Amino acid sequence: MIRPDLHLHTSASDGIYDADELARLVQRAGVTLFSITDHDTLAALLRAAQAAYDRGLAFIPGVEISTEGDEEIHILGYGVTPDDSALNALFSRLKQERINRVRNMGERLQALGMPVPTEEIIESAGASVGRPHLGRAMVERGYAATVQEAFDRFLASGKPAYLPRETPTASQAISLLRQRGAIPVLAHPGHIKKPMAQLLPLLRAWIEAGLSGIEVYHPANRGNYSKWLSLAKEHHLLVTGGSDFHDHSPRHGQIGETALEWPTALQDGWALFKRAKKQSV
């Protein structure tokens, strides 16, 4: 019986657990097929694959690419390889952009009377340092009660410490993933702040660029699963799902929770697993 969670983050990006510990938690949650989809890095995939093998779990190597700057369209890529030179070149550039952004946002927090140890954060955070790391540092220093409060008051778009990111377009990320033999999937469409009339033309353009699926079963889509499922079926796209687990805060989902709300989890998870395996051969 397949119980999938195809959207998980480790400490290689902005999660709190390394790949070995996350695999242990995945197994404890009853998940049998999982994917690590760290932000803009492939650094955890080798360890995750070994941890999955050791525990008898099925594993799909993945990644989550940040695109469209402030629009924050995220593209999941499944079936990537850890030593992919083109992807790693992109992520190296995005890593430096992330570091510069965190430094500059740290300066803004300093000016607001909330100093955080920016260089320590950058050194310890890994390849995908970002706003969650700043938010956790703010909580540790008593500037906010929770990471969500840190975002709501200071770190979110339009707030005093916020700075935009420079990222590829969604179509560029999708095309690159397809060129590398990976499977591009639109992540958590419920987070996209566009009316459907504006989103549909974009979706058609992304499909033309090579989009292969929609992450239908994600906590951000709760209450609207049928809408995103219909859209996926209408355009003959793969259906995927995942918790988007980072830590145990309510800001993100918890391991395995979306599988409980995903009626076709076995079929959909198996379809993605087979396709990722086939394309990696």
Protein backbone atom coordinates (compact mmCIF):
# COMPACT_ATOMS: atom_id res chain seq x y z
CA MET A 1 0.00 0.00 0.00
CA ILE A 2 1.51 3.32 -1.10
CA ARG A 3 1.08 6.29 1.20
CA PRO A 4 2.92 9.20 -0.42
CA ASP A 5 4.26 12.53 0.78
CA LEU A 6 5.95 14.15 -2.20
CA HIS A 7 6.86 17.55 -0.74
CA LEU A 8 9.30 17.57 2.19
CA HIS A 9 12.14 19.87 3.22
CA THR A 10 15.38 19.13 5.08
CA SER A 11 17.94 21.31 6.81
CA ALA A 12 19.75 21.55 3.46
CA SER A 13 17.19 24.28 2.74
CA ASP A 14 14.75 25.67 5.30
CA GLY A 15 13.64 22.54 7.15
CA ILE A 16 14.95 21.64 10.59
CA TYR A 17 15.85 17.93 10.14
CA ASP A 18 18.63 16.38 8.10
CA ALA A 19 17.81 13.69 5.55
CA ASP A 20 18.42 10.75 7.91
CA GLU A 21 16.19 12.11 10.66
CA LEU A 22 13.50 13.11 8.17
CA ALA A 23 13.44 9.58 6.74
CA ARG A 24 12.94 8.27 10.28
CA LEU A 25 10.02 10.63 10.80
CA VAL A 26 8.57 9.69 7.41
CA GLN A 27 8.62 6.01 8.33
CA ARG A 28 7.13 6.72 11.76
CA ALA A 29 4.28 8.63 10.09
CA GLY A 30 3.42 5.60 7.95
CA VAL A 31 4.53 7.21 4.68
CA THR A 32 5.92 4.64 2.24
CA LEU A 33 6.84 6.86 -0.75
CA PHE A 34 8.44 10.25 -0.21
CA SER A 35 10.34 12.98 -1.99
CA ILE A 36 12.80 15.56 -0.71
CA THR A 37 12.07 18.84 -2.49
CA ASP A 38 14.44 21.34 -0.92
CA HIS A 39 14.43 24.90 -2.17
CA ASP A 40 16.95 25.46 -4.96
CA THR A 41 19.38 22.75 -3.86
CA LEU A 42 20.06 19.06 -4.51
CA ALA A 43 22.41 18.76 -1.54
CA ALA A 44 20.35 16.32 0.57
CA LEU A 45 19.33 13.87 -2.14
CA LEU A 46 22.16 11.33 -1.89
CA ARG A 47 21.76 10.99 1.89
CA ALA A 48 17.98 10.84 1.52
CA ALA A 49 18.20 8.08 -1.09
CA GLN A 50 20.46 6.02 1.18
CA ALA A 51 18.22 6.65 4.20
CA ALA A 52 15.18 5.55 2.18
CA TYR A 53 16.97 2.38 1.05
CA ASP A 54 18.04 1.56 4.59
CA ARG A 55 14.44 1.84 5.81
CA GLY A 56 12.79 0.06 2.89
CA LEU A 57 11.02 3.21 1.69
CA ALA A 58 10.37 4.27 -1.91
CA PHE A 59 12.04 7.58 -2.79
CA ILE A 60 11.82 10.12 -5.60
CA PRO A 61 14.63 12.71 -5.71
CA GLY A 62 13.14 16.16 -6.09
CA VAL A 63 13.66 19.89 -5.84
CA GLU A 64 11.52 23.03 -5.48
CA ILE A 65 12.60 25.94 -7.67
CA SER A 66 11.59 29.48 -6.72
CA THR A 67 10.45 31.51 -9.74
CA GLU A 68 8.79 34.78 -10.73
CA GLY A 69 10.27 36.91 -7.92
CA ASP A 70 7.57 38.46 -5.75
CA GLU A 71 4.91 36.37 -7.48
CA GLU A 72 6.50 33.33 -5.77
CA ILE A 73 5.48 30.67 -8.26
CA HIS A 74 7.23 27.47 -7.17
CA ILE A 75 7.98 24.60 -9.51
CA LEU A 76 8.65 21.11 -8.19
CA GLY A 77 11.00 18.90 -10.18
CA TYR A 78 10.87 15.10 -9.74
CA GLY A 79 13.44 12.60 -10.94
CA VAL A 80 16.39 15.01 -10.75
CA THR A 81 19.95 13.77 -10.22
CA PRO A 82 22.17 15.22 -7.46
CA ASP A 83 25.13 15.86 -9.78
CA ASP A 84 23.17 17.63 -12.53
CA SER A 85 25.58 20.34 -13.71
CA ALA A 86 22.99 22.67 -15.24
CA LEU A 87 20.71 22.62 -12.21
CA ASN A 88 23.62 23.00 -9.81
CA ALA A 89 24.89 26.01 -11.80
CA LEU A 90 21.48 27.66 -11.47
CA PHE A 91 21.30 26.85 -7.76
CA SER A 92 24.80 28.21 -7.17
CA ARG A 93 23.69 31.54 -8.60
CA LEU A 94 20.47 31.50 -6.59
CA LYS A 95 22.42 30.63 -3.44
CA GLN A 96 24.51 33.77 -3.75
CA GLU A 97 21.37 35.80 -4.38
CA ARG A 98 19.80 34.31 -1.23
CA ILE A 99 22.88 35.16 0.83
CA ASN A 100 22.88 38.76 -0.40
CA ARG A 101 19.18 39.07 0.31
CA VAL A 102 19.47 37.73 3.87
CA ARG A 103 22.36 40.10 4.58
CA ASN A 104 20.38 43.07 3.30
CA MET A 105 17.24 42.04 5.19
CA GLY A 106 19.41 41.61 8.29
CA GLU A 107 20.51 45.21 7.87
CA ARG A 108 16.88 46.28 7.73
CA LEU A 109 16.12 44.38 10.93
CA GLN A 110 19.14 46.03 12.56
CA ALA A 111 17.79 49.45 11.57
CA LEU A 112 14.45 48.47 13.12
CA GLY A 113 16.18 47.73 16.43
CA MET A 114 16.11 43.93 16.00
CA PRO A 115 19.66 42.76 15.32
CA VAL A 116 20.15 39.12 14.35
CA PRO A 117 23.47 37.26 13.76
CA THR A 118 23.20 37.30 9.98
CA GLU A 119 26.58 35.74 9.21
CA GLU A 120 25.96 32.90 11.69
CA ILE A 121 22.57 32.29 10.09
CA ILE A 122 24.13 32.14 6.62
CA GLU A 123 26.91 29.80 7.74
CA SER A 124 24.59 27.34 9.48
CA ALA A 125 21.63 27.45 7.12
CA GLY A 126 23.09 25.63 4.12
CA ALA A 127 22.44 26.24 0.45
CA SER A 128 18.94 27.69 0.74
CA VAL A 129 19.22 30.32 3.44
CA GLY A 130 16.13 32.50 3.50
CA ARG A 131 13.43 34.28 5.42
CA PRO A 132 12.45 31.28 7.63
CA HIS A 133 15.96 31.31 9.08
CA LEU A 134 15.63 35.00 9.88
CA GLY A 135 12.19 34.35 11.36
CA ARG A 136 13.51 31.63 13.66
CA ALA A 137 16.34 33.90 14.81
CA MET A 138 13.78 36.61 15.57
CA VAL A 139 11.75 34.20 17.69
CA GLU A 140 14.89 33.08 19.57
CA ARG A 141 15.61 36.73 20.43
CA GLY A 142 12.07 37.57 21.48
CA TYR A 143 11.26 39.92 18.60
CA ALA A 144 8.28 37.75 17.64
CA ALA A 145 6.33 35.00 19.36
CA THR A 146 6.29 32.74 16.29
CA VAL A 147 7.89 32.57 12.85
CA GLN A 148 4.48 33.33 11.37
CA GLU A 149 4.30 36.53 13.42
CA ALA A 150 7.80 37.48 12.24
CA PHE A 151 6.61 37.11 8.65
CA ASP A 152 3.30 38.89 9.21
CA ARG A 153 4.92 41.91 10.87
CA PHE A 154 8.37 42.19 9.28
CA LEU A 155 9.42 39.62 6.64
CA ALA A 156 6.48 39.20 4.24
CA SER A 157 6.09 41.18 1.02
CA GLY A 158 5.33 44.82 1.80
CA LYS A 159 6.61 44.58 5.40
CA PRO A 160 9.49 46.72 6.71
CA ALA A 161 12.33 44.18 6.42
CA TYR A 162 11.23 42.59 3.15
CA LEU A 163 13.31 42.62 -0.03
CA PRO A 164 12.32 40.95 -3.33
CA ARG A 165 14.24 38.10 -4.93
CA GLU A 166 15.75 37.72 -8.39
CA THR A 167 14.64 34.39 -9.80
CA PRO A 168 14.05 32.65 -13.14
CA THR A 169 10.60 32.68 -14.69
CA ALA A 170 8.37 29.68 -14.20
CA SER A 171 8.63 28.80 -17.89
CA GLN A 172 12.44 28.92 -17.71
CA ALA A 173 12.49 26.58 -14.71
CA ILE A 174 10.00 24.20 -16.34
CA SER A 175 11.97 24.10 -19.59
CA LEU A 176 15.23 23.48 -17.76
CA LEU A 177 13.74 20.63 -15.75
CA ARG A 178 12.36 19.01 -18.89
CA GLN A 179 15.73 19.39 -20.63
CA ARG A 180 17.34 17.59 -17.68
CA GLY A 181 14.88 14.70 -17.90
CA ALA A 182 12.92 15.73 -14.80
CA ILE A 183 9.17 16.06 -14.27
CA PRO A 184 8.00 19.65 -13.60
CA VAL A 185 4.96 20.09 -11.35
CA LEU A 186 3.23 23.30 -10.26
CA ALA A 187 3.61 23.52 -6.47
CA HIS A 188 0.79 24.53 -4.09
CA PRO A 189 -1.37 26.51 -6.55
CA GLY A 190 -3.51 27.64 -3.62
CA HIS A 191 -0.69 30.00 -2.68
CA ILE A 192 -0.81 31.78 -6.04
CA LYS A 193 -2.39 35.19 -5.54
CA LYS A 194 -4.09 35.46 -8.93
CA PRO A 195 -7.72 35.06 -9.98
CA MET A 196 -8.38 32.05 -12.17
CA ALA A 197 -8.96 34.29 -15.20
CA GLN A 198 -5.33 35.42 -14.95
CA LEU A 199 -3.93 32.05 -13.94
CA LEU A 200 -5.37 30.01 -16.81
CA PRO A 201 -3.38 31.74 -19.60
CA LEU A 202 -0.23 31.33 -17.51
CA LEU A 203 -1.00 27.66 -16.93
CA ARG A 204 -1.37 27.13 -20.68
CA ALA A 205 2.01 28.80 -21.25
CA TRP A 206 3.61 26.63 -18.56
CA ILE A 207 2.12 23.49 -20.13
CA GLU A 208 3.57 24.58 -23.47
CA ALA A 209 6.94 24.96 -21.73
CA GLY A 210 6.64 21.38 -20.45
CA LEU A 211 4.67 21.42 -17.18
CA SER A 212 3.67 17.84 -16.40
CA GLY A 213 1.59 18.04 -13.22
CA ILE A 214 -0.20 20.00 -10.51
CA GLU A 215 0.27 19.52 -6.77
CA VAL A 216 -3.42 19.11 -6.02
CA TYR A 217 -3.24 17.72 -2.47
CA HIS A 218 -1.40 20.37 -0.47
CA PRO A 219 -2.53 22.10 2.75
CA ALA A 220 -2.83 25.43 0.90
CA ASN A 221 -5.41 23.88 -1.44
CA ARG A 222 -7.59 22.46 1.32
CA GLY A 223 -11.24 23.16 0.58
CA ASN A 224 -10.45 23.51 -3.12
CA TYR A 225 -9.04 20.10 -3.99
CA SER A 226 -11.80 19.49 -6.53
CA LYS A 227 -10.97 22.72 -8.40
CA TRP A 228 -7.30 21.86 -8.84
CA LEU A 229 -8.08 18.21 -9.57
CA SER A 230 -10.47 19.20 -12.35
CA LEU A 231 -7.84 21.52 -13.80
CA ALA A 232 -5.22 18.77 -13.76
CA LYS A 233 -7.56 16.29 -15.44
CA GLU A 234 -8.73 18.83 -18.01
CA HIS A 235 -5.15 19.39 -19.12
CA HIS A 236 -4.06 15.73 -18.78
CA LEU A 237 -1.55 16.54 -16.04
CA LEU A 238 -0.18 14.32 -13.30
CA VAL A 239 -1.78 14.71 -9.88
CA THR A 240 0.63 14.97 -6.95
CA GLY A 241 0.44 15.90 -3.29
CA GLY A 242 2.50 16.52 -0.21
CA SER A 243 2.56 18.13 3.19
CA ASP A 244 5.27 20.75 2.52
CA PHE A 245 6.74 19.75 5.89
CA HIS A 246 9.51 22.00 7.25
CA ASP A 247 9.09 21.73 11.02
CA HIS A 248 6.34 21.17 13.58
CA SER A 249 4.89 24.67 13.44
CA PRO A 250 1.37 25.25 12.08
CA ARG A 251 2.83 27.39 9.31
CA HIS A 252 3.42 24.26 7.21
CA GLY A 253 1.81 20.85 6.91
CA GLN A 254 2.83 17.78 8.87
CA ILE A 255 4.29 14.61 7.40
CA GLY A 256 1.72 12.40 5.69
CA GLU A 257 -1.33 14.53 6.44
CA THR A 258 -2.36 15.18 2.85
CA ALA A 259 -2.27 11.45 2.01
CA LEU A 260 -5.25 11.03 4.34
CA GLU A 261 -7.28 13.45 2.17
CA TRP A 262 -6.08 12.09 -1.18
CA PRO A 263 -8.50 9.41 -2.47
CA THR A 264 -6.27 8.34 -5.37
CA ALA A 265 -2.97 8.59 -3.51
CA LEU A 266 -1.92 5.04 -4.39
CA GLN A 267 -2.54 5.42 -8.13
CA ASP A 268 -1.17 8.96 -8.40
CA GLY A 269 1.90 8.29 -6.28
CA TRP A 270 2.68 5.12 -8.22
CA ALA A 271 2.23 6.94 -11.57
CA LEU A 272 4.77 9.59 -10.59
CA PHE A 273 7.18 7.02 -9.16
CA LYS A 274 7.10 4.92 -12.35
CA ARG A 275 7.55 7.94 -14.60
CA ALA A 276 10.44 9.32 -12.51
CA LYS A 277 12.14 5.90 -12.55
CA LYS A 278 11.65 5.56 -16.30
CA GLN A 279 13.07 9.00 -17.06
CA SER A 280 16.08 8.44 -14.79
CA VAL A 281 17.14 5.27 -16.62
